[in-house]
Amino acid sequence: MLSKQDIINLALVKVGNAPRAEITDSYMLLMYDIGKKYLLGKHYWRFAKTISQLAINGDITVTGWKYAYRLPTNVGCIFDVVPHAKYDIFGTNLVCDSNPISLEYSMIDIPDSLPS
């Protein structure tokens, strides 16, 4: 597994900078955590994939859709709803005409050691 320092050094080299021999905790907090959440939310990473059944949010209605569901707090990039159905995202809710549904997505709160 790659360490946080390994991952940061790979990123530094990729953008044309020299790797750092020692990376401080404050540097890691600033760069690594922000970058990790950003990247896990922008791409379909199979190693971060999970499926969760969604709970209906009875507090809201959206015209044109039968059901509104609360999104999990750790949603990164959405792969699909299961069973496959048309859906849309409104803030922290997913709207869909199917019930029940599960969400297939990448998590943004995976462990800090990413697969090598």
PDB file of N, CA and C in Angstrom:
ATOM      1  N   MET A   1       0.832  -1.177   0.000  1.00  0.00           N
ATOM      2  CA  MET A   1       0.000   0.000   0.000  1.00  0.00           C
ATOM      3  C   MET A   1       0.883   1.248   0.000  1.00  0.00           C
ATOM      4  N   LEU A   2       0.397   2.262  -0.660  1.00  0.00           N
ATOM      5  CA  LEU A   2       1.103   3.540  -0.682  1.00  0.00           C
ATOM      6  C   LEU A   2       0.740   4.356   0.551  1.00  0.00           C
ATOM      7  N   SER A   3       1.726   5.021   1.131  1.00  0.00           N
ATOM      8  CA  SER A   3       1.467   5.892   2.278  1.00  0.00           C
ATOM      9  C   SER A   3       1.004   7.262   1.779  1.00  0.00           C
ATOM     10  N   LYS A   4       0.520   8.097   2.705  1.00  0.00           N
ATOM     11  CA  LYS A   4       0.134   9.466   2.340  1.00  0.00           C
ATOM     12  C   LYS A   4       1.317  10.190   1.704  1.00  0.00           C
ATOM     13  N   GLN A   5       2.499  10.026   2.301  1.00  0.00           N
ATOM     14  CA  GLN A   5       3.682  10.703   1.771  1.00  0.00           C
ATOM     15  C   GLN A   5       3.998  10.222   0.357  1.00  0.00           C
ATOM     16  N   ASP A   6       3.879   8.910   0.093  1.00  0.00           N
ATOM     17  CA  ASP A   6       4.108   8.374  -1.244  1.00  0.00           C
ATOM     18  C   ASP A   6       3.143   8.990  -2.256  1.00  0.00           C
ATOM     19  N   ILE A   7       1.890   9.074  -1.878  1.00  0.00           N
ATOM     20  CA  ILE A   7       0.860   9.601  -2.778  1.00  0.00           C
ATOM     21  C   ILE A   7       1.110  11.077  -3.068  1.00  0.00           C
ATOM     22  N   ILE A   8       1.438  11.847  -2.041  1.00  0.00           N
ATOM     23  CA  ILE A   8       1.724  13.273  -2.240  1.00  0.00           C
ATOM     24  C   ILE A   8       2.956  13.441  -3.133  1.00  0.00           C
ATOM     25  N   ASN A   9       4.003  12.641  -2.904  1.00  0.00           N
ATOM     26  CA  ASN A   9       5.201  12.745  -3.741  1.00  0.00           C
ATOM     27  C   ASN A   9       4.925  12.363  -5.190  1.00  0.00           C
ATOM     28  N   LEU A  10       4.092  11.364  -5.421  1.00  0.00           N
ATOM     29  CA  LEU A  10       3.711  11.016  -6.796  1.00  0.00           C
ATOM     30  C   LEU A  10       3.006  12.199  -7.465  1.00  0.00           C
ATOM     31  N   ALA A  11       2.124  12.855  -6.728  1.00  0.00           N
ATOM     32  CA  ALA A  11       1.418  14.011  -7.271  1.00  0.00           C
ATOM     33  C   ALA A  11       2.381  15.166  -7.545  1.00  0.00           C
ATOM     34  N   LEU A  12       3.316  15.410  -6.629  1.00  0.00           N
ATOM     35  CA  LEU A  12       4.295  16.478  -6.833  1.00  0.00           C
ATOM     36  C   LEU A  12       5.132  16.236  -8.083  1.00  0.00           C
ATOM     37  N   VAL A  13       5.597  15.008  -8.273  1.00  0.00           N
ATOM     38  CA  VAL A  13       6.394  14.673  -9.450  1.00  0.00           C
ATOM     39  C   VAL A  13       5.548  14.813 -10.719  1.00  0.00           C
ATOM     40  N   LYS A  14       4.291  14.404 -10.660  1.00  0.00           N
ATOM     41  CA  LYS A  14       3.408  14.471 -11.823  1.00  0.00           C
ATOM     42  C   LYS A  14       3.222  15.903 -12.323  1.00  0.00           C
ATOM     43  N   VAL A  15       3.229  16.877 -11.403  1.00  0.00           N
ATOM     44  CA  VAL A  15       3.057  18.277 -11.810  1.00  0.00           C
ATOM     45  C   VAL A  15       4.398  18.995 -11.958  1.00  0.00           C
ATOM     46  N   GLY A  16       5.523  18.241 -11.965  1.00  0.00           N
ATOM     47  CA  GLY A  16       6.821  18.822 -12.265  1.00  0.00           C
ATOM     48  C   GLY A  16       7.625  19.306 -11.080  1.00  0.00           C
ATOM     49  N   ASN A  17       7.243  18.961  -9.872  1.00  0.00           N
ATOM     50  CA  ASN A  17       7.993  19.358  -8.679  1.00  0.00           C
ATOM     51  C   ASN A  17       8.824  18.196  -8.168  1.00  0.00           C
ATOM     52  N   ALA A  18       9.817  18.519  -7.338  1.00  0.00           N
ATOM     53  CA  ALA A  18      10.645  17.477  -6.731  1.00  0.00           C
ATOM     54  C   ALA A  18       9.897  16.849  -5.558  1.00  0.00           C
ATOM     55  N   PRO A  19      10.073  15.556  -5.329  1.00  0.00           N
ATOM     56  CA  PRO A  19       9.459  14.932  -4.151  1.00  0.00           C
ATOM     57  C   PRO A  19      10.044  15.519  -2.877  1.00  0.00           C
ATOM     58  N   ARG A  20       9.272  15.469  -1.817  1.00  0.00           N
ATOM     59  CA  ARG A  20       9.718  15.994  -0.514  1.00  0.00           C
ATOM     60  C   ARG A  20      10.144  14.832   0.373  1.00  0.00           C
ATOM     61  N   ALA A  21      11.290  14.993   1.048  1.00  0.00           N
ATOM     62  CA  ALA A  21      11.794  13.945   1.937  1.00  0.00           C
ATOM     63  C   ALA A  21      10.932  13.809   3.180  1.00  0.00           C
ATOM     64  N   GLU A  22      10.438  14.930   3.675  1.00  0.00           N
ATOM     65  CA  GLU A  22       9.596  14.907   4.867  1.00  0.00           C
ATOM     66  C   GLU A  22       8.386  15.787   4.620  1.00  0.00           C
ATOM     67  N   ILE A  23       7.245  15.241   4.862  1.00  0.00           N
ATOM     68  CA  ILE A  23       6.002  15.997   4.688  1.00  0.00           C
ATOM     69  C   ILE A  23       5.381  16.170   6.065  1.00  0.00           C
ATOM     70  N   THR A  24       5.174  17.403   6.450  1.00  0.00           N
ATOM     71  CA  THR A  24       4.654  17.692   7.790  1.00  0.00           C
ATOM     72  C   THR A  24       3.169  17.357   7.875  1.00  0.00           C
ATOM     73  N   ASP A  25       2.690  17.190   9.108  1.00  0.00           N
ATOM     74  CA  ASP A  25       1.272  16.905   9.329  1.00  0.00           C
ATOM     75  C   ASP A  25       0.393  18.016   8.785  1.00  0.00           C
ATOM     76  N   SER A  26       0.803  19.274   8.944  1.00  0.00           N
ATOM     77  CA  SER A  26      -0.017  20.386   8.463  1.00  0.00           C
ATOM     78  C   SER A  26      -0.104  20.375   6.940  1.00  0.00           C
ATOM     79  N   TYR A  27       0.981  20.018   6.267  1.00  0.00           N
ATOM     80  CA  TYR A  27       0.977  19.920   4.806  1.00  0.00           C
ATOM     81  C   TYR A  27       0.039  18.793   4.362  1.00  0.00           C
ATOM     82  N   MET A  28       0.105  17.661   5.059  1.00  0.00           N
ATOM     83  CA  MET A  28      -0.776  16.544   4.729  1.00  0.00           C
ATOM     84  C   MET A  28      -2.228  16.919   4.915  1.00  0.00           C
ATOM     85  N   LEU A  29      -2.546  17.572   6.033  1.00  0.00           N
ATOM     86  CA  LEU A  29      -3.928  17.978   6.274  1.00  0.00           C
ATOM     87  C   LEU A  29      -4.413  18.926   5.196  1.00  0.00           C
ATOM     88  N   LEU A  30      -3.572  19.841   4.792  1.00  0.00           N
ATOM     89  CA  LEU A  30      -3.966  20.831   3.795  1.00  0.00           C
ATOM     90  C   LEU A  30      -4.130  20.207   2.415  1.00  0.00           C
ATOM     91  N   MET A  31      -3.173  19.436   1.968  1.00  0.00           N
ATOM     92  CA  MET A  31      -3.164  18.951   0.595  1.00  0.00           C
ATOM     93  C   MET A  31      -3.794  17.570   0.414  1.00  0.00           C
ATOM     94  N   TYR A  32      -3.413  16.635   1.237  1.00  0.00           N
ATOM     95  CA  TYR A  32      -3.842  15.258   1.029  1.00  0.00           C
ATOM     96  C   TYR A  32      -5.341  15.087   1.210  1.00  0.00           C
ATOM     97  N   ASP A  33      -5.883  15.533   2.340  1.00  0.00           N
ATOM     98  CA  ASP A  33      -7.298  15.307   2.622  1.00  0.00           C
ATOM     99  C   ASP A  33      -8.207  16.010   1.608  1.00  0.00           C
ATOM    100  N   ILE A  34      -7.856  17.227   1.239  1.00  0.00           N
ATOM    101  CA  ILE A  34      -8.646  17.960   0.243  1.00  0.00           C
ATOM    102  C   ILE A  34      -8.562  17.254  -1.106  1.00  0.00           C
ATOM    103  N   GLY A  35      -7.350  16.892  -1.500  1.00  0.00           N
ATOM    104  CA  GLY A  35      -7.157  16.224  -2.786  1.00  0.00           C
ATOM    105  C   GLY A  35      -7.833  14.863  -2.853  1.00  0.00           C
ATOM    106  N   LYS A  36      -7.763  14.114  -1.762  1.00  0.00           N
ATOM    107  CA  LYS A  36      -8.383  12.785  -1.726  1.00  0.00           C
ATOM    108  C   LYS A  36      -9.889  12.882  -1.929  1.00  0.00           C
ATOM    109  N   LYS A  37     -10.553  13.755  -1.187  1.00  0.00           N
ATOM    110  CA  LYS A  37     -12.005  13.909  -1.329  1.00  0.00           C
ATOM    111  C   LYS A  37     -12.380  14.404  -2.723  1.00  0.00           C
ATOM    112  N   TYR A  38     -11.602  15.334  -3.243  1.00  0.00           N
ATOM    113  CA  TYR A  38     -11.880  15.867  -4.572  1.00  0.00           C
ATOM    114  C   TYR A  38     -11.789  14.763  -5.629  1.00  0.00           C
ATOM    115  N   LEU A  39     -10.694  14.018  -5.624  1.00  0.00           N
ATOM    116  CA  LEU A  39     -10.509  12.978  -6.635  1.00  0.00           C
ATOM    117  C   LEU A  39     -11.500  11.831  -6.492  1.00  0.00           C
ATOM    118  N   LEU A  40     -11.838  11.452  -5.257  1.00  0.00           N
ATOM    119  CA  LEU A  40     -12.810  10.373  -5.065  1.00  0.00           C
ATOM    120  C   LEU A  40     -14.206  10.808  -5.508  1.00  0.00           C
ATOM    121  N   GLY A  41     -14.460  12.103  -5.539  1.00  0.00           N
ATOM    122  CA  GLY A  41     -15.752  12.610  -5.984  1.00  0.00           C
ATOM    123  C   GLY A  41     -15.848  12.859  -7.466  1.00  0.00           C
ATOM    124  N   LYS A  42     -14.738  12.810  -8.179  1.00  0.00           N
ATOM    125  CA  LYS A  42     -14.731  13.166  -9.593  1.00  0.00           C
ATOM    126  C   LYS A  42     -14.548  11.997 -10.550  1.00  0.00           C
ATOM    127  N   HIS A  43     -14.166  10.846 -10.045  1.00  0.00           N
ATOM    128  CA  HIS A  43     -13.873   9.716 -10.928  1.00  0.00           C
ATOM    129  C   HIS A  43     -14.511   8.436 -10.397  1.00  0.00           C
ATOM    130  N   TYR A  44     -14.663   7.455 -11.277  1.00  0.00           N
ATOM    131  CA  TYR A  44     -15.242   6.159 -10.921  1.00  0.00           C
ATOM    132  C   TYR A  44     -14.137   5.219 -10.446  1.00  0.00           C
ATOM    133  N   TRP A  45     -13.789   5.318  -9.183  1.00  0.00           N
ATOM    134  CA  TRP A  45     -12.740   4.483  -8.608  1.00  0.00           C
ATOM    135  C   TRP A  45     -13.372   3.189  -8.086  1.00  0.00           C
ATOM    136  N   ARG A  46     -13.031   2.057  -8.721  1.00  0.00           N
ATOM    137  CA  ARG A  46     -13.621   0.779  -8.314  1.00  0.00           C
ATOM    138  C   ARG A  46     -13.240   0.379  -6.895  1.00  0.00           C
ATOM    139  N   PHE A  47     -12.041   0.742  -6.438  1.00  0.00           N
ATOM    140  CA  PHE A  47     -11.612   0.350  -5.094  1.00  0.00           C
ATOM    141  C   PHE A  47     -12.396   1.081  -4.005  1.00  0.00           C
ATOM    142  N   ALA A  48     -13.102   2.155  -4.347  1.00  0.00           N
ATOM    143  CA  ALA A  48     -13.875   2.922  -3.364  1.00  0.00           C
ATOM    144  C   ALA A  48     -15.377   2.679  -3.517  1.00  0.00           C
ATOM    145  N   LYS A  49     -15.759   1.720  -4.365  1.00  0.00           N
ATOM    146  CA  LYS A  49     -17.170   1.493  -4.687  1.00  0.00           C
ATOM    147  C   LYS A  49     -17.922   0.769  -3.572  1.00  0.00           C
ATOM    148  N   THR A  50     -19.162   1.187  -3.371  1.00  0.00           N
ATOM    149  CA  THR A  50     -20.059   0.525  -2.433  1.00  0.00           C
ATOM    150  C   THR A  50     -21.488   0.660  -2.943  1.00  0.00           C
ATOM    151  N   ILE A  51     -22.382  -0.110  -2.346  1.00  0.00           N
ATOM    152  CA  ILE A  51     -23.812  -0.013  -2.665  1.00  0.00           C
ATOM    153  C   ILE A  51     -24.565   0.132  -1.351  1.00  0.00           C
ATOM    154  N   SER A  52     -25.433   1.159  -1.264  1.00  0.00           N
ATOM    155  CA  SER A  52     -26.238   1.400  -0.068  1.00  0.00           C
ATOM    156  C   SER A  52     -27.694   1.586  -0.456  1.00  0.00           C
ATOM    157  N   GLN A  53     -28.579   0.975   0.334  1.00  0.00           N
ATOM    158  CA  GLN A  53     -30.002   1.209   0.106  1.00  0.00           C
ATOM    159  C   GLN A  53     -30.327   2.611   0.626  1.00  0.00           C
ATOM    160  N   LEU A  54     -31.100   3.371  -0.156  1.00  0.00           N
ATOM    161  CA  LEU A  54     -31.427   4.744   0.206  1.00  0.00           C
ATOM    162  C   LEU A  54     -32.736   4.815   0.978  1.00  0.00           C
ATOM    163  N   ALA A  55     -32.806   5.766   1.899  1.00  0.00           N
ATOM    164  CA  ALA A  55     -34.012   5.998   2.697  1.00  0.00           C
ATOM    165  C   ALA A  55     -34.804   7.144   2.080  1.00  0.00           C
ATOM    166  N   ILE A  56     -36.102   6.984   2.025  1.00  0.00           N
ATOM    167  CA  ILE A  56     -36.968   8.041   1.487  1.00  0.00           C
ATOM    168  C   ILE A  56     -36.922   9.261   2.400  1.00  0.00           C
ATOM    169  N   ASN A  57     -36.845  10.422   1.786  1.00  0.00           N
ATOM    170  CA  ASN A  57     -36.908  11.684   2.511  1.00  0.00           C
ATOM    171  C   ASN A  57     -38.326  12.228   2.345  1.00  0.00           C
ATOM    172  N   GLY A  58     -39.172  12.024   3.339  1.00  0.00           N
ATOM    173  CA  GLY A  58     -40.560  12.457   3.283  1.00  0.00           C
ATOM    174  C   GLY A  58     -40.751  13.949   3.482  1.00  0.00           C
ATOM    175  N   ASP A  59     -39.662  14.672   3.782  1.00  0.00           N
ATOM    176  CA  ASP A  59     -39.755  16.106   4.034  1.00  0.00           C
ATOM    177  C   ASP A  59     -39.822  16.947   2.772  1.00  0.00           C
ATOM    178  N   ILE A  60     -39.462  16.377   1.621  1.00  0.00           N
ATOM    179  CA  ILE A  60     -39.481  17.160   0.390  1.00  0.00           C
ATOM    180  C   ILE A  60     -40.222  16.422  -0.715  1.00  0.00           C
ATOM    181  N   THR A  61     -40.741  17.184  -1.656  1.00  0.00           N
ATOM    182  CA  THR A  61     -41.306  16.642  -2.891  1.00  0.00           C
ATOM    183  C   THR A  61     -40.726  17.445  -4.044  1.00  0.00           C
ATOM    184  N   VAL A  62     -40.517  16.773  -5.152  1.00  0.00           N
ATOM    185  CA  VAL A  62     -39.985  17.422  -6.343  1.00  0.00           C
ATOM    186  C   VAL A  62     -40.937  17.113  -7.489  1.00  0.00           C
ATOM    187  N   THR A  63     -41.476  18.157  -8.093  1.00  0.00           N
ATOM    188  CA  THR A  63     -42.433  18.006  -9.189  1.00  0.00           C
ATOM    189  C   THR A  63     -41.835  17.146 -10.296  1.00  0.00           C
ATOM    190  N   GLY A  64     -42.598  16.174 -10.739  1.00  0.00           N
ATOM    191  CA  GLY A  64     -42.162  15.289 -11.815  1.00  0.00           C
ATOM    192  C   GLY A  64     -41.511  14.004 -11.346  1.00  0.00           C
ATOM    193  N   TRP A  65     -41.306  13.861 -10.041  1.00  0.00           N
ATOM    194  CA  TRP A  65     -40.680  12.661  -9.488  1.00  0.00           C
ATOM    195  C   TRP A  65     -41.544  12.115  -8.357  1.00  0.00           C
ATOM    196  N   LYS A  66     -41.627  10.801  -8.261  1.00  0.00           N
ATOM    197  CA  LYS A  66     -42.445  10.175  -7.215  1.00  0.00           C
ATOM    198  C   LYS A  66     -41.762  10.150  -5.851  1.00  0.00           C
ATOM    199  N   TYR A  67     -40.457   9.922  -5.829  1.00  0.00           N
ATOM    200  CA  TYR A  67     -39.759   9.713  -4.559  1.00  0.00           C
ATOM    201  C   TYR A  67     -38.511  10.598  -4.457  1.00  0.00           C
ATOM    202  N   ALA A  68     -38.236  11.028  -3.242  1.00  0.00           N
ATOM    203  CA  ALA A  68     -36.987  11.723  -2.929  1.00  0.00           C
ATOM    204  C   ALA A  68     -36.266  10.894  -1.868  1.00  0.00           C
ATOM    205  N   TYR A  69     -34.985  10.677  -2.067  1.00  0.00           N
ATOM    206  CA  TYR A  69     -34.169   9.872  -1.157  1.00  0.00           C
ATOM    207  C   TYR A  69     -33.015  10.704  -0.620  1.00  0.00           C
ATOM    208  N   ARG A  70     -32.667  10.489   0.636  1.00  0.00           N
ATOM    209  CA  ARG A  70     -31.482  11.139   1.223  1.00  0.00           C
ATOM    210  C   ARG A  70     -30.223  10.457   0.698  1.00  0.00           C
ATOM    211  N   LEU A  71     -29.280  11.257   0.255  1.00  0.00           N
ATOM    212  CA  LEU A  71     -27.996  10.704  -0.172  1.00  0.00           C
ATOM    213  C   LEU A  71     -27.133  10.420   1.052  1.00  0.00           C
ATOM    214  N   PRO A  72     -26.347   9.352   1.032  1.00  0.00           N
ATOM    215  CA  PRO A  72     -25.394   9.125   2.117  1.00  0.00           C
ATOM    216  C   PRO A  72     -24.404  10.287   2.194  1.00  0.00           C
ATOM    217  N   THR A  73     -23.873  10.539   3.371  1.00  0.00           N
ATOM    218  CA  THR A  73     -22.961  11.675   3.547  1.00  0.00           C
ATOM    219  C   THR A  73     -21.598  11.441   2.918  1.00  0.00           C
ATOM    220  N   ASN A  74     -21.273  10.201   2.582  1.00  0.00           N
ATOM    221  CA  ASN A  74     -19.952   9.894   2.026  1.00  0.00           C
ATOM    222  C   ASN A  74     -19.962   9.655   0.516  1.00  0.00           C
ATOM    223  N   VAL A  75     -20.978  10.194  -0.191  1.00  0.00           N
ATOM    224  CA  VAL A  75     -21.082   9.980  -1.632  1.00  0.00           C
ATOM    225  C   VAL A  75     -20.019  10.777  -2.362  1.00  0.00           C
ATOM    226  N   GLY A  76     -19.272  10.079  -3.206  1.00  0.00           N
ATOM    227  CA  GLY A  76     -18.323  10.725  -4.095  1.00  0.00           C
ATOM    228  C   GLY A  76     -18.926  10.787  -5.484  1.00  0.00           C
ATOM    229  N   CYS A  77     -18.544   9.866  -6.329  1.00  0.00           N
ATOM    230  CA  CYS A  77     -19.040   9.805  -7.698  1.00  0.00           C
ATOM    231  C   CYS A  77     -20.109   8.718  -7.792  1.00  0.00           C
ATOM    232  N   ILE A  78     -21.244   9.056  -8.353  1.00  0.00           N
ATOM    233  CA  ILE A  78     -22.346   8.096  -8.477  1.00  0.00           C
ATOM    234  C   ILE A  78     -22.156   7.252  -9.733  1.00  0.00           C
ATOM    235  N   PHE A  79     -22.228   5.925  -9.561  1.00  0.00           N
ATOM    236  CA  PHE A  79     -22.160   4.997 -10.684  1.00  0.00           C
ATOM    237  C   PHE A  79     -23.553   4.791 -11.276  1.00  0.00           C
ATOM    238  N   ASP A  80     -24.529   4.414 -10.420  1.00  0.00           N
ATOM    239  CA  ASP A  80     -25.874   4.093 -10.914  1.00  0.00           C
ATOM    240  C   ASP A  80     -26.810   3.870  -9.732  1.00  0.00           C
ATOM    241  N   VAL A  81     -28.101   3.807 -10.024  1.00  0.00           N
ATOM    242  CA  VAL A  81     -29.077   3.359  -9.038  1.00  0.00           C
ATOM    243  C   VAL A  81     -29.442   1.920  -9.391  1.00  0.00           C
ATOM    244  N   VAL A  82     -29.782   1.142  -8.362  1.00  0.00           N
ATOM    245  CA  VAL A  82     -30.100  -0.276  -8.538  1.00  0.00           C
ATOM    246  C   VAL A  82     -31.482  -0.531  -7.968  1.00  0.00           C
ATOM    247  N   PRO A  83     -32.448  -1.043  -8.729  1.00  0.00           N
ATOM    248  CA  PRO A  83     -32.348  -1.389 -10.141  1.00  0.00           C
ATOM    249  C   PRO A  83     -32.189  -0.132 -10.990  1.00  0.00           C
ATOM    250  N   HIS A  84     -31.570  -0.306 -12.158  1.00  0.00           N
ATOM    251  CA  HIS A  84     -31.283   0.825 -13.043  1.00  0.00           C
ATOM    252  C   HIS A  84     -32.556   1.615 -13.327  1.00  0.00           C
ATOM    253  N   ALA A  85     -32.510   2.907 -13.121  1.00  0.00           N
ATOM    254  CA  ALA A  85     -33.663   3.778 -13.356  1.00  0.00           C
ATOM    255  C   ALA A  85     -33.169   5.196 -13.607  1.00  0.00           C
ATOM    256  N   LYS A  86     -34.012   5.999 -14.197  1.00  0.00           N
ATOM    257  CA  LYS A  86     -33.701   7.410 -14.405  1.00  0.00           C
ATOM    258  C   LYS A  86     -33.769   8.117 -13.049  1.00  0.00           C
ATOM    259  N   TYR A  87     -32.828   9.032 -12.806  1.00  0.00           N
ATOM    260  CA  TYR A  87     -32.796   9.765 -11.534  1.00  0.00           C
ATOM    261  C   TYR A  87     -32.190  11.143 -11.758  1.00  0.00           C
ATOM    262  N   ASP A  88     -32.283  11.987 -10.740  1.00  0.00           N
ATOM    263  CA  ASP A  88     -31.632  13.294 -10.750  1.00  0.00           C
ATOM    264  C   ASP A  88     -31.208  13.617  -9.319  1.00  0.00           C
ATOM    265  N   ILE A  89     -30.272  14.530  -9.175  1.00  0.00           N
ATOM    266  CA  ILE A  89     -29.765  14.928  -7.863  1.00  0.00           C
ATOM    267  C   ILE A  89     -30.214  16.357  -7.588  1.00  0.00           C
ATOM    268  N   PHE A  90     -30.782  16.579  -6.402  1.00  0.00           N
ATOM    269  CA  PHE A  90     -31.170  17.898  -5.936  1.00  0.00           C
ATOM    270  C   PHE A  90     -30.555  18.101  -4.557  1.00  0.00           C
ATOM    271  N   GLY A  91     -29.441  18.832  -4.511  1.00  0.00           N
ATOM    272  CA  GLY A  91     -28.755  19.067  -3.239  1.00  0.00           C
ATOM    273  C   GLY A  91     -28.283  17.768  -2.625  1.00  0.00           C
ATOM    274  N   THR A  92     -28.789  17.444  -1.440  1.00  0.00           N
ATOM    275  CA  THR A  92     -28.396  16.214  -0.743  1.00  0.00           C
ATOM    276  C   THR A  92     -29.439  15.112  -0.934  1.00  0.00           C
ATOM    277  N   ASN A  93     -30.227  15.227  -1.991  1.00  0.00           N
ATOM    278  CA  ASN A  93     -31.283  14.250  -2.275  1.00  0.00           C
ATOM    279  C   ASN A  93     -31.177  13.724  -3.694  1.00  0.00           C
ATOM    280  N   LEU A  94     -31.610  12.486  -3.853  1.00  0.00           N
ATOM    281  CA  LEU A  94     -31.741  11.872  -5.162  1.00  0.00           C
ATOM    282  C   LEU A  94     -33.223  11.670  -5.409  1.00  0.00           C
ATOM    283  N   VAL A  95     -33.711  12.054  -6.590  1.00  0.00           N
ATOM    284  CA  VAL A  95     -35.122  11.845  -6.923  1.00  0.00           C
ATOM    285  C   VAL A  95     -35.220  10.801  -8.018  1.00  0.00           C
ATOM    286  N   CYS A  96     -36.269   9.979  -7.918  1.00  0.00           N
ATOM    287  CA  CYS A  96     -36.416   8.838  -8.808  1.00  0.00           C
ATOM    288  C   CYS A  96     -37.874   8.379  -8.765  1.00  0.00           C
ATOM    289  N   ASP A  97     -38.306   7.650  -9.784  1.00  0.00           N
ATOM    290  CA  ASP A  97     -39.662   7.112  -9.789  1.00  0.00           C
ATOM    291  C   ASP A  97     -39.737   5.674  -9.283  1.00  0.00           C
ATOM    292  N   SER A  98     -38.605   5.092  -8.909  1.00  0.00           N
ATOM    293  CA  SER A  98     -38.564   3.704  -8.428  1.00  0.00           C
ATOM    294  C   SER A  98     -38.453   3.653  -6.910  1.00  0.00           C
ATOM    295  N   ASN A  99     -39.039   2.587  -6.340  1.00  0.00           N
ATOM    296  CA  ASN A  99     -38.950   2.355  -4.902  1.00  0.00           C
ATOM    297  C   ASN A  99     -39.039   0.857  -4.659  1.00  0.00           C
ATOM    298  N   PRO A 100     -38.161   0.279  -3.862  1.00  0.00           N
ATOM    299  CA  PRO A 100     -36.971   0.838  -3.224  1.00  0.00           C
ATOM    300  C   PRO A 100     -35.821   0.899  -4.219  1.00  0.00           C
ATOM    301  N   ILE A 101     -34.790   1.665  -3.871  1.00  0.00           N
ATOM    302  CA  ILE A 101     -33.584   1.716  -4.701  1.00  0.00           C
ATOM    303  C   ILE A 101     -32.347   1.694  -3.805  1.00  0.00           C
ATOM    304  N   SER A 102     -31.276   1.260  -4.419  1.00  0.00           N
ATOM    305  CA  SER A 102     -29.957   1.333  -3.798  1.00  0.00           C
ATOM    306  C   SER A 102     -29.082   2.196  -4.692  1.00  0.00           C
ATOM    307  N   LEU A 103     -28.064   2.765  -4.108  1.00  0.00           N
ATOM    308  CA  LEU A 103     -27.152   3.632  -4.845  1.00  0.00           C
ATOM    309  C   LEU A 103     -25.782   2.984  -4.911  1.00  0.00           C
ATOM    310  N   GLU A 104     -25.237   2.895  -6.106  1.00  0.00           N
ATOM    311  CA  GLU A 104     -23.886   2.382  -6.330  1.00  0.00           C
ATOM    312  C   GLU A 104     -22.985   3.602  -6.546  1.00  0.00           C
ATOM    313  N   TYR A 105     -22.002   3.794  -5.670  1.00  0.00           N
ATOM    314  CA  TYR A 105     -21.189   5.009  -5.714  1.00  0.00           C
ATOM    315  C   TYR A 105     -19.805   4.773  -5.135  1.00  0.00           C
ATOM    316  N   SER A 106     -18.923   5.742  -5.367  1.00  0.00           N
ATOM    317  CA  SER A 106     -17.613   5.694  -4.727  1.00  0.00           C
ATOM    318  C   SER A 106     -17.669   6.528  -3.460  1.00  0.00           C
ATOM    319  N   MET A 107     -17.058   6.007  -2.392  1.00  0.00           N
ATOM    320  CA  MET A 107     -17.051   6.685  -1.094  1.00  0.00           C
ATOM    321  C   MET A 107     -15.885   7.660  -1.027  1.00  0.00           C
ATOM    322  N   ILE A 108     -16.103   8.792  -0.364  1.00  0.00           N
ATOM    323  CA  ILE A 108     -15.019   9.764  -0.191  1.00  0.00           C
ATOM    324  C   ILE A 108     -14.300   9.577   1.142  1.00  0.00           C
ATOM    325  N   ASP A 109     -14.760   8.641   1.962  1.00  0.00           N
ATOM    326  CA  ASP A 109     -14.140   8.442   3.277  1.00  0.00           C
ATOM    327  C   ASP A 109     -13.476   7.070   3.404  1.00  0.00           C
ATOM    328  N   ILE A 110     -12.763   6.680   2.352  1.00  0.00           N
ATOM    329  CA  ILE A 110     -12.054   5.404   2.389  1.00  0.00           C
ATOM    330  C   ILE A 110     -10.800   5.539   3.246  1.00  0.00           C
ATOM    331  N   PRO A 111     -10.187   4.412   3.644  1.00  0.00           N
ATOM    332  CA  PRO A 111      -8.951   4.481   4.435  1.00  0.00           C
ATOM    333  C   PRO A 111      -7.859   5.263   3.710  1.00  0.00           C
ATOM    334  N   ASP A 112      -6.915   5.766   4.463  1.00  0.00           N
ATOM    335  CA  ASP A 112      -5.865   6.605   3.889  1.00  0.00           C
ATOM    336  C   ASP A 112      -4.835   5.845   3.066  1.00  0.00           C
ATOM    337  N   SER A 113      -4.752   4.539   3.166  1.00  0.00           N
ATOM    338  CA  SER A 113      -3.819   3.759   2.363  1.00  0.00           C
ATOM    339  C   SER A 113      -4.532   3.269   1.119  1.00  0.00           C
ATOM    340  N   LEU A 114      -4.243   3.922   0.002  1.00  0.00           N
ATOM    341  CA  LEU A 114      -4.871   3.534  -1.260  1.00  0.00           C
ATOM    342  C   LEU A 114      -4.116   2.352  -1.868  1.00  0.00           C
ATOM    343  N   PRO A 115      -4.805   1.513  -2.659  1.00  0.00           N
ATOM    344  CA  PRO A 115      -4.115   0.377  -3.266  1.00  0.00           C
ATOM    345  C   PRO A 115      -3.004   0.840  -4.211  1.00  0.00           C
ATOM    346  N   SER A 116      -1.932   0.105  -4.261  1.00  0.00           N
ATOM    347  CA  SER A 116      -0.829   0.477  -5.160  1.00  0.00           C
ATOM    348  C   SER A 116      -0.994  -0.197  -6.494  1.00  0.00           C
TER     349      SER A 116
END
